[in-house]
C-alpha atoms as a PDB file:
ATOM      1  CA  UNK A   1    -153.471-122.286   9.281  1.00  0.00           C
ATOM      2  CA  UNK A   2    -155.893-120.184   7.315  1.00  0.00           C
ATOM      3  CA  UNK A   3    -155.569-119.422   3.607  1.00  0.00           C
ATOM      4  CA  UNK A   4    -154.559-115.802   4.309  1.00  0.00           C
ATOM      5  CA  UNK A   5    -151.833-116.918   6.726  1.00  0.00           C
ATOM      6  CA  UNK A   6    -150.484-119.381   4.164  1.00  0.00           C
ATOM      7  CA  UNK A   7    -150.364-116.654   1.517  1.00  0.00           C
ATOM      8  CA  UNK A   8    -148.464-114.329   3.885  1.00  0.00           C
ATOM      9  CA  UNK A   9    -145.883-117.007   4.718  1.00  0.00           C
ATOM     10  CA  UNK A  10    -145.427-117.962   1.067  1.00  0.00           C
ATOM     11  CA  UNK A  11    -145.078-114.303   0.136  1.00  0.00           C
ATOM     12  CA  UNK A  12    -142.317-113.773   2.700  1.00  0.00           C
ATOM     13  CA  UNK A  13    -140.482-117.004   1.731  1.00  0.00           C
ATOM     14  CA  UNK A  14    -140.615-116.365  -2.033  1.00  0.00           C
ATOM     15  CA  UNK A  15    -140.198-112.592  -2.096  1.00  0.00           C
ATOM     16  CA  UNK A  16    -143.371-112.260  -4.177  1.00  0.00           C
ATOM     17  CA  UNK A  17    -146.085-109.795  -3.282  1.00  0.00           C
ATOM     18  CA  UNK A  18    -149.173-111.220  -1.587  1.00  0.00           C
ATOM     19  CA  UNK A  19    -151.149-110.511  -4.780  1.00  0.00           C
ATOM     20  CA  UNK A  20    -148.618-112.443  -6.894  1.00  0.00           C
ATOM     21  CA  UNK A  21    -148.624-115.268  -4.372  1.00  0.00           C
ATOM     22  CA  UNK A  22    -152.417-115.402  -4.352  1.00  0.00           C
ATOM     23  CA  UNK A  23    -152.484-115.519  -8.170  1.00  0.00           C
ATOM     24  CA  UNK A  24    -149.883-118.301  -8.179  1.00  0.00           C
ATOM     25  CA  UNK A  25    -151.833-120.402  -5.669  1.00  0.00           C
ATOM     26  CA  UNK A  26    -155.086-119.799  -7.571  1.00  0.00           C
ATOM     27  CA  UNK A  27    -153.545-120.949 -10.870  1.00  0.00           C
ATOM     28  CA  UNK A  28    -151.846-123.923  -9.189  1.00  0.00           C
ATOM     29  CA  UNK A  29    -155.231-125.093  -7.875  1.00  0.00           C
ATOM     30  CA  UNK A  30    -156.856-124.485 -11.276  1.00  0.00           C
ATOM     31  CA  UNK A  31    -154.269-126.700 -12.980  1.00  0.00           C
ATOM     32  CA  UNK A  32    -154.982-129.481 -10.484  1.00  0.00           C
ATOM     33  CA  UNK A  33    -158.747-129.110 -11.074  1.00  0.00           C
ATOM     34  CA  UNK A  34    -158.276-129.290 -14.852  1.00  0.00           C
ATOM     35  CA  UNK A  35    -156.180-132.449 -14.583  1.00  0.00           C
ATOM     36  CA  UNK A  36    -158.665-134.147 -12.247  1.00  0.00           C
ATOM     37  CA  UNK A  37    -161.557-133.295 -14.615  1.00  0.00           C
ATOM     38  CA  UNK A  38    -159.635-135.065 -17.400  1.00  0.00           C
ATOM     39  CA  UNK A  39    -159.104-138.096 -15.115  1.00  0.00           C
ATOM     40  CA  UNK A  40    -155.396-137.326 -15.136  1.00  0.00           C
ATOM     41  CA  UNK A  41    -153.134-137.031 -12.118  1.00  0.00           C
ATOM     42  CA  UNK A  42    -150.675-134.572 -10.600  1.00  0.00           C
ATOM     43  CA  UNK A  43    -147.714-135.899  -8.607  1.00  0.00           C
ATOM     44  CA  UNK A  44    -145.297-133.913  -6.502  1.00  0.00           C
ATOM     45  CA  UNK A  45    -142.460-136.330  -5.784  1.00  0.00           C
ATOM     46  CA  UNK A  46    -141.917-136.840  -2.070  1.00  0.00           C
ATOM     47  CA  UNK A  47    -145.102-135.017  -1.128  1.00  0.00           C
ATOM     48  CA  UNK A  48    -148.517-135.923  -2.595  1.00  0.00           C
ATOM     49  CA  UNK A  49    -150.595-136.890  -5.590  1.00  0.00           C
ATOM     50  CA  UNK A  50    -154.006-135.821  -6.878  1.00  0.00           C
ATOM     51  CA  UNK A  51    -156.039-137.857  -9.322  1.00  0.00           C
ATOM     52  CA  UNK A  52    -159.562-138.163 -10.635  1.00  0.00           C
ATOM     53  CA  UNK A  53    -161.609-141.242 -11.470  1.00  0.00           C
ATOM     54  CA  UNK A  54    -164.893-141.393 -13.326  1.00  0.00           C
ATOM     55  CA  UNK A  55    -167.697-143.016 -11.313  1.00  0.00           C
ATOM     56  CA  UNK A  56    -170.560-144.521 -13.300  1.00  0.00           C
ATOM     57  CA  UNK A  57    -174.195-143.568 -12.786  1.00  0.00           C
ATOM     58  CA  UNK A  58    -175.846-145.814 -10.200  1.00  0.00           C
ATOM     59  CA  UNK A  59    -178.962-146.337  -8.149  1.00  0.00           C
ATOM     60  CA  UNK A  60    -178.886-145.634  -4.433  1.00  0.00           C
ATOM     61  CA  UNK A  61    -181.380-145.375  -1.567  1.00  0.00           C
ATOM     62  CA  UNK A  62    -182.084-142.201   0.335  1.00  0.00           C
ATOM     63  CA  UNK A  63    -181.543-143.309   3.957  1.00  0.00           C
ATOM     64  CA  UNK A  64    -184.267-141.012   5.299  1.00  0.00           C
ATOM     65  CA  UNK A  65    -187.054-141.748   2.842  1.00  0.00           C
ATOM     66  CA  UNK A  66    -185.884-145.174   1.564  1.00  0.00           C
ATOM     67  CA  UNK A  67    -186.637-143.804  -1.907  1.00  0.00           C
ATOM     68  CA  UNK A  68    -184.475-145.035  -4.788  1.00  0.00           C
ATOM     69  CA  UNK A  69    -182.528-142.203  -6.406  1.00  0.00           C
ATOM     70  CA  UNK A  70    -180.133-141.985  -9.335  1.00  0.00           C
ATOM     71  CA  UNK A  71    -176.616-140.801  -8.544  1.00  0.00           C
ATOM     72  CA  UNK A  72    -175.300-139.250 -11.747  1.00  0.00           C
ATOM     73  CA  UNK A  73    -171.932-140.165 -13.223  1.00  0.00           C
ATOM     74  CA  UNK A  74    -169.220-137.890 -11.878  1.00  0.00           C
ATOM     75  CA  UNK A  75    -165.494-137.489 -11.353  1.00  0.00           C
ATOM     76  CA  UNK A  76    -164.323-138.527  -7.901  1.00  0.00           C
ATOM     77  CA  UNK A  77    -161.198-136.635  -6.805  1.00  0.00           C
ATOM     78  CA  UNK A  78    -158.543-138.498  -4.848  1.00  0.00           C
ATOM     79  CA  UNK A  79    -155.670-137.114  -2.799  1.00  0.00           C
ATOM     80  CA  UNK A  80    -152.910-139.012  -1.049  1.00  0.00           C
ATOM     81  CA  UNK A  81    -149.606-138.251   0.604  1.00  0.00           C
ATOM     82  CA  UNK A  82    -146.552-140.216  -0.464  1.00  0.00           C
ATOM     83  CA  UNK A  83    -144.973-142.728   1.902  1.00  0.00           C
ATOM     84  CA  UNK A  84    -141.824-140.567   1.910  1.00  0.00           C
ATOM     85  CA  UNK A  85    -143.786-137.586   3.214  1.00  0.00           C
ATOM     86  CA  UNK A  86    -145.565-139.687   5.852  1.00  0.00           C
ATOM     87  CA  UNK A  87    -142.224-140.992   7.114  1.00  0.00           C
ATOM     88  CA  UNK A  88    -140.659-137.501   7.218  1.00  0.00           C
ATOM     89  CA  UNK A  89    -143.428-135.956   9.321  1.00  0.00           C
ATOM     90  CA  UNK A  90    -143.107-138.770  11.841  1.00  0.00           C
ATOM     91  CA  UNK A  91    -139.321-138.508  12.211  1.00  0.00           C
ATOM     92  CA  UNK A  92    -137.962-137.168  15.472  1.00  0.00           C
END
């Protein structure tokens, strides 16, 4: 499903206009980004969780050139579905 299709379906289900739905989705994603940047997490019970973890600066090798490079410290985002959700999608 493409982003535009998702927005249309959400718009129909919620009764919001597509513009309102798009704004809602945009802000929802922005909140998740902000939380991850702060190394915080966002949990939707029975569905999924997002979190962010700071990774320290480290040395690594470029596989093509074998040159040593520095990988800067950064926030690594993590996403996982809950066990409840995994079980529900596999029910018959």
